[in-house]
Every structure is written in structure tokens, then in C-alpha cells.
Amino acid sequence: MECEIKMEKKQRCCSLKFLIVFFAVMQIMSVVLFNIPHITYASSCSKKNNFLSQIKLSGVFATSYTYNFADPVANSEYPHGNYNGNYNDDFKANGFTINELDITLSKNPFSDGRNNFGLGFTATLDTGESIQHPESYMGNLSYYMEPAYKRPLYGFRNLYVSFGIPVGNGLKVDIGMHNSPIGFESHNLSKNWENTYSIIDSVEPGSLTGIALSYPIIPKKLKTFFEVSYVYQSMLPINSYPTYEFYISYKPLKIINFHEGMVYGAENFLIYNNNIIPDNLNKYFYNYMDAEYKTLHCLDFVLDYEMGINGGINKSIVQNNNININNAASPNTALIPTSNSTYGRSHFSGLAFYIHHYDLLKIGRFSQTVREVRVWDPNGMWESASTPGESFNYFDSTLTLGFRPAMNIFKHAQFRVELENQITNHRVFGDGKRVQNTINFMLIRTF
């Protein structure tokens, strides 16, 4: 036993020593593999533009090493104890991972101006651990019956065609699978301030497939987005009941920005004997709002509030279909009685506060971000680490330090170090701990 402990400590020490070498190698690889110049649009006023010249290729590559001080180890009581608890993008404890390799091919439907009818598209192919949470259902029922970290490490985040209609300030119509804009944090790690996602993010909708309309009521100040979908995180319709998504962005001043978004109508359903049995009487509602204040001294403040209500599944659905509830599964709610007529009726709320600061120096750009999050999960049915039927409270504190060197070779690269502390009122982390502390080293490169 002592020998095993010494070997384990030696392995950890070696892993930490190789961090610098790892990031150096990954940077060289990213330069060699991804040093692809952006395909830029030609002048929007030129009549000589053709469809191919307006196509843009872009992408993101992110890799990291995470060390978990909770020392999670799988055992009979905690079979998944060797994973980082309550994470949606970096499940591996004490190891390296590819978080994201994102390749996007797109064309702006208004590349010839908003006074002309235009055609465009967006296709985002993604691989890495960050794809597992928002990945869409592709017809395999095991998607809903296994933990997120067992889902495929590849998939599309966006796959839709766009039509630019010259009405007013320009109406854009998208048809296909759309990555949901709900939530302050982006599923694109290069657009986030942190390495890891907030624990609120685990309950946000991932993607919807349908028809989406976006329109700038006041250009650069007031924008709207509305989508009607017949599926919820799905490429195939479950039934004919639609899901609605609405999003509005308002920027009255250069230093102030507001966002409000909601999703309503995503149906609950059961999986029984490899069949999907829908329940369309009780609906799902998710709401998000945030306010961002940017000072003139490279300092940002953000307050983000999110809440969700799940109507549950009618007991009559179970009774009328002669379902043995012990052999059934549900992706959107837990199958425990929460009232005389409903399984899994629940609600959730969360509050996140961000402070982001950066310095522009001769050697590069330094950034510092503090994120404080509080989540209330009274029925234990929203957060991934919760136990259905029990009340959970989560506290999450994160400090992220970023550095983007001024050297040309690092022009599109950023190095980050993140410390995160998570606390909850139940033993859900690792192999039965209430506290989880992690440190994450990340390299991000855009191309």
C-alpha cells in the first residue's frame, strides 16, 4: 500500500512538471495545424462578389489539464467518483483533455447588404468534452439514459441555412439546428472569461432545431431572436407540440448591455421498452436575464439570474400505458412522486456575479476574472450532481488568470490558469465530499 501511495504521488508530481512542456508542445502544434488565415469578406458594396468569396472559415482549439484536490476515486458506493463532480466540459480528474476543437464554416446572408435578398449558412462541427452537454439527440435512446460524460465526443452545434430578407433593417431567417443563445456564458470557450462553465450552465438548453427569426429593431442597440421548434435537444421530432425560444438584447449605452431570454414548451417524456412516450400536458419553462456594465478602465461587471420550472410527468401517463415506473427512464425529470398526480415537478434558480479586468501591456494582455455563483435546487432534480427528492444548495467561487502574449507566434493564443472552489450541503463530490477544489491549466487558440 505504501508503495502504491508513493507511486501515485510520484505520478502526480511528474504530471505537474510536464505542464510547461505540454503547453509548449500544444502551442507549436496549434501553430502548425491551425495557422490558417481567415477568409475575409469582400466589400459589401461590390457587385463582383460571388458566393464562395464570402464564405468564412473559423475555429477554436482548447486543451487543458485539471487537478482535483478532492482526490476523487471510484468505489462501490461512488462508481463515478473518479470524475470531476458537477462539470459539463471537463470530466477527467487529474488528467489532460481536449476540451474543444471547433470548426465553423459560414456565410452571412447579408454579405451583399441588408437591402438585398441573400442566402447564407452556418455549420459548426465540434469535438472534445465540451460537446457532450449541449450535443443534440441523434436517434440513440442511450443519449438520455447515460451520464453526459459517456456521450460521443463529436457532433454539430449549428447546422442551418439562412435567408436575408430586405425588410426594414434586415430580417434573418434560419432553418435547422441552432445552438441556443440562452445564458450569459458561451459554449465557445474562446468567448468566455473562464476555463470551466458555471454550474448554472448545466441546466441551460443546449440546442433547438426549427425555424428562427432574428431582427435588429434598432441597429447595434436593440436586437431580437425568436425560434419555433418541434424538438427539444433533438434532431428528430418527438411529437407535434412546438417549443418556443425568445431572446432580446438591448444596449442603450456603450457601457451597458441587457439580455433576456426564455424557452417554453419543451415536452417531458418517458423512455420505456425502447419507446418514447410523450407527456404534453405539463411544460418546461426556462428564463435567463443578465446586465453587463463596462467601465472605461478595462473593467466589466455582470449580474446573471436564471430560473427554471419543470411541470413533471402526469401519473396518468404511467397508469394508462401500464408502465412499470422502476423500468422507465426520463431525460428531463426524475421519476419520483412530487404530488398526487405528478412525477418530478420541480423548480430551480441561480445567481451569478462576474468581475472581469484586463491590462494591456507591451508584453501582452493580462486578464483577471472572479465568478461567484449560488444555486438553489430544492427538489434535487436540476443540477447533475443532485439526488432527486433532496434539497441542494451550491456555492461556486472561481478565479481565472489569462495571458495573451504580444508575440506574433502567439497572436491567436491565450494561456489561462483557473482555481475553483465548489461547496454544497450534501456529499456529492468525488467519493463522498461536500467540498471540491480544482486547478485548471488551459491553452486556447483561435483560427
Protein backbone atom coordinates (compact mmCIF):
# COMPACT_ATOMS: atom_id res chain seq x y z
CA MET A 1 0.00 0.00 0.00
CA GLU A 2 2.78 2.48 0.92
CA CYS A 3 4.49 1.68 -2.35
CA GLU A 4 1.27 2.40 -4.29
CA ILE A 5 0.84 5.72 -2.49
CA LYS A 6 4.45 6.72 -3.28
CA MET A 7 3.98 5.76 -6.91
CA GLU A 8 0.73 7.76 -7.09
CA LYS A 9 2.41 10.86 -5.61
CA LYS A 10 5.32 10.44 -8.00
CA GLN A 11 2.94 10.26 -10.98
CA ARG A 12 1.16 13.45 -9.88
CA CYS A 13 4.45 15.25 -9.43
CA CYS A 14 5.59 14.18 -12.87
CA SER A 15 2.30 15.32 -14.39
CA LEU A 16 2.64 18.78 -12.88
CA LYS A 17 6.29 19.01 -14.01
CA PHE A 18 5.29 18.26 -17.58
CA LEU A 19 2.65 21.02 -17.71
CA ILE A 20 5.03 23.56 -19.17
CA VAL A 21 6.29 21.07 -21.73
CA PHE A 22 2.70 20.11 -22.56
CA PHE A 23 1.59 23.66 -23.26
CA ALA A 24 4.71 24.40 -25.29
CA VAL A 25 4.09 21.34 -27.46
CA MET A 26 0.39 22.16 -27.85
CA GLN A 27 1.23 25.73 -28.86
CA ILE A 28 3.66 24.52 -31.54
CA MET A 29 1.07 22.02 -32.76
CA SER A 30 -1.64 24.67 -32.89
CA VAL A 31 0.62 26.97 -34.93
CA VAL A 32 1.47 24.17 -37.36
CA LEU A 33 -2.02 22.73 -37.63
CA PHE A 34 -4.19 25.80 -37.29
CA ASN A 35 -2.17 28.71 -38.67
CA ILE A 36 -4.88 29.24 -41.27
CA PRO A 37 -5.61 32.80 -42.34
CA HIS A 38 -9.25 33.91 -42.05
CA ILE A 39 -11.16 34.04 -45.28
CA THR A 40 -12.38 37.63 -45.30
CA TYR A 41 -15.43 39.06 -46.96
CA ALA A 42 -15.03 41.33 -49.91
CA SER A 43 -16.60 44.78 -49.86
CA SER A 44 -20.33 44.53 -49.22
CA CYS A 45 -20.94 47.20 -51.87
CA SER A 46 -19.08 45.38 -54.66
CA LYS A 47 -21.13 43.79 -57.42
CA LYS A 48 -18.25 41.44 -58.23
CA ASN A 49 -18.63 39.40 -55.03
CA ASN A 50 -19.51 35.77 -55.53
CA PHE A 51 -20.89 33.22 -53.10
CA LEU A 52 -17.60 31.40 -52.50
CA SER A 53 -15.59 34.56 -51.78
CA GLN A 54 -17.96 35.42 -48.92
CA ILE A 55 -17.58 32.13 -47.06
CA LYS A 56 -15.68 32.35 -43.76
CA LEU A 57 -13.70 29.58 -42.08
CA SER A 58 -13.00 29.92 -38.34
CA GLY A 59 -12.39 27.71 -35.34
CA VAL A 60 -11.30 27.22 -31.76
CA PHE A 61 -8.91 24.73 -30.19
CA ALA A 62 -8.80 24.34 -26.39
CA THR A 63 -6.89 21.81 -24.30
CA SER A 64 -6.30 21.65 -20.56
CA TYR A 65 -5.04 19.80 -17.51
CA THR A 66 -7.20 19.59 -14.38
CA TYR A 67 -6.05 18.61 -10.91
CA ASN A 68 -8.78 17.85 -8.36
CA PHE A 69 -7.71 18.32 -4.72
CA ALA A 70 -10.71 16.26 -3.58
CA ASP A 71 -8.79 13.24 -4.91
CA PRO A 72 -11.87 11.54 -6.41
CA VAL A 73 -11.64 7.76 -6.59
CA ALA A 74 -14.32 5.40 -7.88
CA ASN A 75 -15.59 2.75 -5.46
CA SER A 76 -18.71 0.64 -4.95
CA GLU A 77 -20.61 3.47 -3.22
CA TYR A 78 -19.45 6.17 -5.65
CA PRO A 79 -18.93 4.39 -9.02
CA HIS A 80 -18.39 7.71 -10.83
CA GLY A 81 -16.15 9.16 -8.14
CA ASN A 82 -13.17 9.40 -10.47
CA TYR A 83 -14.80 12.28 -12.39
CA ASN A 84 -14.93 15.97 -11.53
CA GLY A 85 -18.35 16.46 -9.94
CA ASN A 86 -20.87 18.89 -11.44
CA TYR A 87 -18.78 19.63 -14.53
CA ASN A 88 -20.18 19.86 -18.05
CA ASP A 89 -16.98 20.27 -20.02
CA ASP A 90 -14.00 18.78 -18.18
CA PHE A 91 -14.91 15.49 -16.55
CA LYS A 92 -11.48 13.93 -16.22
CA ALA A 93 -9.92 14.35 -12.80
CA ASN A 94 -6.13 14.72 -12.59
CA GLY A 95 -5.50 14.47 -16.30
CA PHE A 96 -5.24 16.11 -19.70
CA THR A 97 -8.13 16.52 -22.12
CA ILE A 98 -9.15 18.13 -25.39
CA ASN A 99 -11.95 20.46 -24.32
CA GLU A 100 -12.90 21.78 -27.72
CA LEU A 101 -11.96 21.59 -31.37
CA ASP A 102 -14.48 23.72 -33.16
CA ILE A 103 -14.56 24.27 -36.92
CA THR A 104 -17.16 26.65 -38.35
CA LEU A 105 -17.93 27.28 -41.99
CA SER A 106 -20.37 30.15 -42.51
CA LYS A 107 -21.69 32.79 -44.88
CA ASN A 108 -23.55 35.92 -43.83
CA PRO A 109 -26.84 36.16 -45.75
CA PHE A 110 -26.45 39.96 -45.66
CA SER A 111 -22.90 39.97 -47.05
CA ASP A 112 -24.19 41.99 -50.03
CA GLY A 113 -26.01 44.47 -47.78
CA ARG A 114 -29.29 44.45 -45.89
CA ASN A 115 -31.12 45.94 -48.85
CA ASN A 116 -30.62 42.78 -50.92
CA PHE A 117 -32.08 39.32 -50.60
CA GLY A 118 -29.29 36.94 -49.54
CA LEU A 119 -28.53 33.31 -48.86
CA GLY A 120 -26.18 32.03 -46.16
CA PHE A 121 -25.47 29.12 -43.86
CA THR A 122 -23.64 28.07 -40.69
CA ALA A 123 -22.14 24.66 -39.98
CA THR A 124 -20.22 24.14 -36.74
CA LEU A 125 -18.57 20.76 -36.26
CA ASP A 126 -17.22 20.20 -32.76
CA THR A 127 -15.30 17.56 -30.87
CA GLY A 128 -13.96 17.39 -27.32
CA GLU A 129 -15.52 17.16 -23.87
CA SER A 130 -17.36 20.47 -24.20
CA ILE A 131 -19.63 18.98 -26.89
CA GLN A 132 -21.12 16.34 -24.58
CA HIS A 133 -23.54 18.54 -22.66
CA PRO A 134 -25.18 20.57 -25.47
CA GLU A 135 -24.91 17.81 -28.07
CA SER A 136 -28.19 17.03 -29.81
CA TYR A 137 -30.06 13.73 -29.67
CA MET A 138 -29.32 11.82 -32.87
CA GLY A 139 -31.84 8.99 -32.57
CA ASN A 140 -29.98 6.89 -29.98
CA LEU A 141 -32.04 6.46 -26.80
CA SER A 142 -28.89 5.81 -24.75
CA TYR A 143 -28.23 9.57 -25.11
CA TYR A 144 -30.89 10.09 -22.45
CA MET A 145 -30.10 7.05 -20.33
CA GLU A 146 -26.37 7.52 -19.69
CA PRO A 147 -24.33 10.25 -17.95
CA ALA A 148 -23.19 13.19 -20.08
CA TYR A 149 -19.55 12.10 -19.93
CA LYS A 150 -20.44 8.91 -21.85
CA ARG A 151 -21.91 10.76 -24.82
CA PRO A 152 -19.98 10.90 -28.12
CA LEU A 153 -17.12 13.40 -28.29
CA TYR A 154 -18.26 14.86 -31.61
CA GLY A 155 -21.32 16.50 -33.12
CA PHE A 156 -22.79 19.62 -34.70
CA ARG A 157 -23.56 22.69 -32.59
CA ASN A 158 -25.01 24.60 -35.52
CA LEU A 159 -26.31 23.30 -38.81
CA TYR A 160 -28.69 25.66 -40.58
CA VAL A 161 -29.29 27.69 -43.73
CA SER A 162 -30.01 31.42 -43.53
CA PHE A 163 -32.11 33.76 -45.64
CA GLY A 164 -31.57 37.51 -45.57
CA ILE A 165 -34.83 39.29 -46.33
CA PRO A 166 -34.65 43.04 -47.14
CA VAL A 167 -37.42 44.14 -44.79
CA GLY A 168 -36.77 47.19 -42.61
CA ASN A 169 -33.34 46.76 -41.00
CA GLY A 170 -32.98 43.26 -42.41
CA LEU A 171 -34.84 40.11 -41.29
CA LYS A 172 -32.75 36.94 -40.98
CA VAL A 173 -34.47 33.55 -41.15
CA ASP A 174 -32.57 30.41 -40.08
CA ILE A 175 -33.82 26.88 -40.74
CA GLY A 176 -32.08 23.97 -39.00
CA MET A 177 -30.29 23.23 -35.75
CA HIS A 178 -29.36 26.32 -33.74
CA ASN A 179 -27.07 26.47 -30.71
CA SER A 180 -29.24 28.06 -28.02
CA PRO A 181 -28.25 31.67 -27.17
CA ILE A 182 -29.76 31.31 -23.69
CA GLY A 183 -27.29 32.04 -20.86
CA PHE A 184 -24.53 34.59 -20.33
CA GLU A 185 -21.67 32.15 -20.96
CA SER A 186 -20.97 30.90 -24.46
CA HIS A 187 -20.42 27.29 -25.50
CA ASN A 188 -17.40 28.66 -27.39
CA LEU A 189 -14.58 28.70 -24.81
CA SER A 190 -12.67 31.48 -26.59
CA LYS A 191 -15.59 33.83 -25.91
CA ASN A 192 -15.71 33.02 -22.19
CA TRP A 193 -13.60 34.56 -19.45
CA GLU A 194 -13.25 31.25 -17.60
CA ASN A 195 -11.94 27.76 -18.38
CA THR A 196 -14.93 25.97 -16.85
CA TYR A 197 -18.62 26.69 -17.14
CA SER A 198 -20.75 27.98 -14.29
CA ILE A 199 -22.84 25.34 -12.51
CA ILE A 200 -25.91 27.25 -13.75
CA ASP A 201 -24.93 26.27 -17.27
CA SER A 202 -25.73 22.61 -16.63
CA VAL A 203 -29.47 23.34 -16.73
CA GLU A 204 -29.49 25.57 -19.81
CA PRO A 205 -30.98 24.19 -23.05
CA GLY A 206 -28.29 23.03 -25.45
CA SER A 207 -29.73 23.27 -28.96
CA LEU A 208 -33.04 23.51 -30.75
CA THR A 209 -33.99 22.55 -34.30
CA GLY A 210 -36.60 24.59 -36.10
CA ILE A 211 -37.20 27.98 -37.69
CA ALA A 212 -35.55 31.04 -36.11
CA LEU A 213 -36.11 34.72 -36.85
CA SER A 214 -33.71 37.49 -35.82
CA TYR A 215 -34.22 41.19 -36.40
CA PRO A 216 -32.36 44.35 -35.30
CA ILE A 217 -35.14 46.72 -34.23
CA ILE A 218 -32.55 49.42 -33.59
CA PRO A 219 -29.22 48.54 -35.28
CA LYS A 220 -26.41 47.97 -32.76
CA LYS A 221 -28.79 48.69 -29.85
CA LEU A 222 -31.92 46.52 -29.80
CA LYS A 223 -31.90 43.01 -31.30
CA THR A 224 -34.44 40.18 -31.09
CA PHE A 225 -34.34 36.43 -31.75
CA PHE A 226 -37.34 34.10 -31.91
CA GLU A 227 -37.40 30.39 -32.69
CA VAL A 228 -40.16 27.83 -33.08
CA SER A 229 -39.02 24.23 -32.80
CA TYR A 230 -40.79 20.88 -32.85
CA VAL A 231 -37.96 19.22 -30.99
CA TYR A 232 -36.06 19.73 -27.76
CA GLN A 233 -32.32 18.95 -27.95
CA SER A 234 -33.23 16.63 -30.77
CA MET A 235 -32.67 16.15 -34.49
CA LEU A 236 -35.89 14.13 -34.83
CA PRO A 237 -39.36 15.27 -33.73
CA ILE A 238 -40.81 13.54 -30.69
CA ASN A 239 -44.30 14.83 -31.38
CA SER A 240 -46.12 17.77 -32.92
CA TYR A 241 -46.02 20.04 -29.87
CA PRO A 242 -43.74 23.05 -30.50
CA THR A 243 -41.08 24.62 -28.32
CA TYR A 244 -40.66 28.38 -28.32
CA GLU A 245 -37.49 30.34 -27.66
CA PHE A 246 -37.26 34.13 -27.36
CA TYR A 247 -34.20 36.29 -26.84
CA ILE A 248 -33.71 40.06 -26.74
CA SER A 249 -30.54 42.15 -26.40
CA TYR A 250 -30.66 45.84 -25.51
CA LYS A 251 -27.65 48.15 -25.44
CA PRO A 252 -28.84 51.67 -24.57
CA LEU A 253 -25.30 52.94 -23.96
CA LYS A 254 -21.83 51.82 -24.99
CA ILE A 255 -21.08 50.69 -21.44
CA ILE A 256 -24.40 48.96 -20.60
CA ASN A 257 -25.93 45.81 -22.10
CA PHE A 258 -29.04 43.83 -21.10
CA HIS A 259 -30.13 40.34 -22.18
CA GLU A 260 -33.39 38.49 -21.61
CA GLY A 261 -34.21 35.03 -22.90
CA MET A 262 -36.70 32.21 -22.33
CA VAL A 263 -37.65 28.75 -23.55
CA TYR A 264 -41.17 27.38 -23.18
CA GLY A 265 -42.90 24.22 -24.30
CA ALA A 266 -40.16 21.59 -24.25
CA GLU A 267 -42.15 18.45 -23.52
CA ASN A 268 -41.31 15.79 -20.97
CA PHE A 269 -41.41 12.16 -21.99
CA LEU A 270 -40.67 8.64 -20.80
CA ILE A 271 -38.45 6.00 -22.32
CA TYR A 272 -39.94 2.56 -21.76
CA ASN A 273 -39.16 -0.67 -23.62
CA ASN A 274 -37.04 1.37 -26.05
CA ASN A 275 -40.03 3.55 -26.95
CA ILE A 276 -40.60 7.26 -26.37
CA ILE A 277 -43.88 8.02 -24.61
CA PRO A 278 -44.63 11.78 -24.65
CA ASP A 279 -46.42 13.75 -21.95
CA ASN A 280 -47.56 17.09 -23.36
CA LEU A 281 -49.81 18.41 -20.60
CA ASN A 282 -47.02 19.77 -18.41
CA LYS A 283 -44.48 22.10 -19.96
CA TYR A 284 -40.93 23.17 -19.31
CA PHE A 285 -40.07 26.87 -18.76
CA TYR A 286 -36.59 28.35 -18.57
CA ASN A 287 -35.75 32.03 -18.12
CA TYR A 288 -32.48 33.95 -18.15
CA MET A 289 -31.58 37.62 -17.72
CA ASP A 290 -28.34 39.49 -17.22
CA ALA A 291 -26.98 43.01 -17.05
CA GLU A 292 -23.42 43.95 -18.05
CA TYR A 293 -21.67 47.18 -17.15
CA LYS A 294 -18.40 48.05 -18.87
CA THR A 295 -16.35 50.86 -17.35
CA LEU A 296 -13.81 52.91 -19.25
CA HIS A 297 -10.97 51.38 -17.24
CA CYS A 298 -10.93 47.84 -18.73
CA LEU A 299 -13.36 46.58 -16.08
CA ASP A 300 -16.62 44.62 -16.56
CA PHE A 301 -19.36 43.75 -14.06
CA VAL A 302 -22.08 41.19 -14.87
CA LEU A 303 -25.08 40.03 -12.85
CA ASP A 304 -26.83 36.94 -14.23
CA TYR A 305 -30.08 35.41 -12.91
CA GLU A 306 -31.55 32.16 -14.22
CA MET A 307 -34.54 30.05 -13.23
CA GLY A 308 -36.44 27.04 -14.49
CA ILE A 309 -39.75 25.27 -13.86
CA ASN A 310 -40.45 21.68 -14.84
CA GLY A 311 -44.10 20.65 -14.88
CA GLY A 312 -43.22 17.00 -14.40
CA ILE A 313 -44.91 13.90 -15.85
CA ASN A 314 -48.55 13.01 -15.24
CA LYS A 315 -49.11 9.84 -13.26
CA SER A 316 -52.00 9.10 -15.61
CA ILE A 317 -49.47 8.65 -18.45
CA VAL A 318 -47.81 5.91 -16.43
CA GLN A 319 -51.07 4.25 -15.44
CA ASN A 320 -52.75 4.42 -18.87
CA ASN A 321 -49.73 2.85 -20.57
CA ASN A 322 -49.25 0.14 -17.91
CA ILE A 323 -45.70 1.32 -17.28
CA ASN A 324 -43.54 -0.19 -14.59
CA ILE A 325 -42.03 3.04 -13.29
CA ASN A 326 -38.96 1.21 -11.96
CA ASN A 327 -38.03 0.20 -15.51
CA ALA A 328 -38.71 3.58 -17.11
CA ALA A 329 -36.33 6.50 -17.69
CA SER A 330 -36.88 10.20 -18.22
CA PRO A 331 -34.26 12.65 -19.55
CA ASN A 332 -35.90 15.85 -18.29
CA THR A 333 -37.21 14.99 -14.85
CA ALA A 334 -36.76 12.42 -12.08
CA LEU A 335 -39.33 9.66 -11.77
CA ILE A 336 -40.25 10.20 -8.13
CA PRO A 337 -43.72 11.28 -6.93
CA THR A 338 -43.80 15.01 -6.18
CA SER A 339 -47.60 15.36 -5.88
CA ASN A 340 -50.71 13.21 -6.01
CA SER A 341 -50.82 13.49 -9.80
CA THR A 342 -47.28 14.22 -10.93
CA TYR A 343 -43.79 12.74 -11.06
CA GLY A 344 -40.83 15.10 -10.92
CA ARG A 345 -42.46 18.52 -10.65
CA SER A 346 -39.57 20.86 -9.76
CA HIS A 347 -38.03 24.30 -9.98
CA PHE A 348 -34.59 25.84 -9.81
CA SER A 349 -32.93 29.26 -9.53
CA GLY A 350 -29.37 30.54 -9.70
CA LEU A 351 -27.48 33.81 -9.37
CA ALA A 352 -24.02 34.52 -10.80
CA PHE A 353 -21.82 37.60 -10.43
CA TYR A 354 -18.74 38.32 -12.56
CA ILE A 355 -15.92 40.83 -12.28
CA HIS A 356 -13.55 40.93 -15.25
CA HIS A 357 -10.49 43.15 -15.58
CA TYR A 358 -7.67 43.28 -18.11
CA ASP A 359 -4.41 45.15 -18.63
CA LEU A 360 -2.80 45.91 -21.98
CA LEU A 361 0.98 45.88 -21.59
CA LYS A 362 3.85 45.76 -24.06
CA ILE A 363 4.40 42.05 -23.45
CA GLY A 364 0.73 41.15 -23.87
CA ARG A 365 -2.77 41.20 -22.44
CA PHE A 366 -3.37 40.10 -18.85
CA SER A 367 -6.87 39.36 -17.55
CA GLN A 368 -8.34 38.52 -14.17
CA THR A 369 -11.88 37.19 -13.64
CA VAL A 370 -13.78 36.45 -10.46
CA ARG A 371 -17.04 34.48 -10.67
CA GLU A 372 -19.34 33.89 -7.70
CA VAL A 373 -22.35 31.60 -8.14
CA ARG A 374 -25.19 30.47 -5.86
CA VAL A 375 -27.69 27.82 -6.98
CA TRP A 376 -30.88 26.64 -5.26
CA ASP A 377 -32.18 23.19 -6.26
CA PRO A 378 -34.92 22.47 -3.68
CA ASN A 379 -36.06 19.16 -5.22
CA GLY A 380 -32.65 17.92 -6.34
CA MET A 381 -33.70 17.48 -9.97
CA TRP A 382 -31.75 20.10 -11.94
CA GLU A 383 -28.06 20.03 -11.10
CA SER A 384 -26.20 16.99 -12.40
CA ALA A 385 -24.74 16.06 -9.01
CA SER A 386 -28.03 16.35 -7.09
CA THR A 387 -30.09 13.50 -5.64
CA PRO A 388 -33.81 13.58 -6.64
CA GLY A 389 -36.10 14.38 -3.73
CA GLU A 390 -33.48 16.18 -1.62
CA SER A 391 -32.88 19.91 -1.27
CA PHE A 392 -29.48 21.13 -2.57
CA ASN A 393 -27.63 24.42 -2.33
CA TYR A 394 -24.45 25.05 -4.33
CA PHE A 395 -21.74 27.69 -3.92
CA ASP A 396 -19.12 28.18 -6.60
CA SER A 397 -16.15 30.58 -6.46
CA THR A 398 -13.76 30.85 -9.41
CA LEU A 399 -10.62 32.89 -10.10
CA THR A 400 -9.26 32.84 -13.66
CA LEU A 401 -5.99 34.42 -14.80
CA GLY A 402 -5.36 34.84 -18.52
CA PHE A 403 -2.38 35.90 -20.60
CA ARG A 404 -2.27 36.61 -24.34
CA PRO A 405 1.38 37.25 -25.39
CA ALA A 406 2.10 40.12 -27.79
CA MET A 407 4.50 37.99 -29.89
CA ASN A 408 3.27 37.18 -33.41
CA ILE A 409 3.61 33.43 -32.86
CA PHE A 410 1.06 33.73 -30.00
CA LYS A 411 -1.19 36.19 -31.84
CA HIS A 412 -4.28 33.97 -31.60
CA ALA A 413 -3.37 32.06 -28.42
CA GLN A 414 -4.26 32.56 -24.78
CA PHE A 415 -2.97 30.79 -21.66
CA ARG A 416 -5.21 30.53 -18.60
CA VAL A 417 -4.93 29.28 -15.03
CA GLU A 418 -8.11 28.77 -13.02
CA LEU A 419 -8.80 27.97 -9.37
CA GLU A 420 -12.30 26.82 -8.49
CA ASN A 421 -13.95 26.06 -5.17
CA GLN A 422 -17.34 24.29 -5.01
CA ILE A 423 -19.33 23.69 -1.83
CA THR A 424 -22.69 22.00 -1.33
CA ASN A 425 -24.81 20.79 1.56
CA HIS A 426 -24.55 17.10 0.57
CA ARG A 427 -21.68 14.70 -0.15
CA VAL A 428 -21.78 14.73 -3.94
CA PHE A 429 -18.18 15.42 -4.97
CA GLY A 430 -15.61 12.72 -5.64
CA ASP A 431 -16.04 9.74 -3.35
CA GLY A 432 -18.32 11.49 -0.85
CA LYS A 433 -17.15 15.05 -0.12
CA ARG A 434 -19.00 18.35 0.35
CA VAL A 435 -16.12 20.44 -1.00
CA GLN A 436 -14.32 20.23 -4.32
CA ASN A 437 -11.28 22.36 -5.19
CA THR A 438 -9.71 22.19 -8.63
CA ILE A 439 -6.95 23.91 -10.59
CA ASN A 440 -7.13 24.01 -14.37
CA PHE A 441 -4.40 24.99 -16.86
CA MET A 442 -5.73 25.77 -20.35
CA LEU A 443 -4.42 26.73 -23.77
CA ILE A 444 -6.89 28.29 -26.23
CA ARG A 445 -6.13 29.10 -29.83
CA THR A 446 -8.47 30.62 -32.41
CA PHE A 447 -8.01 30.37 -36.14
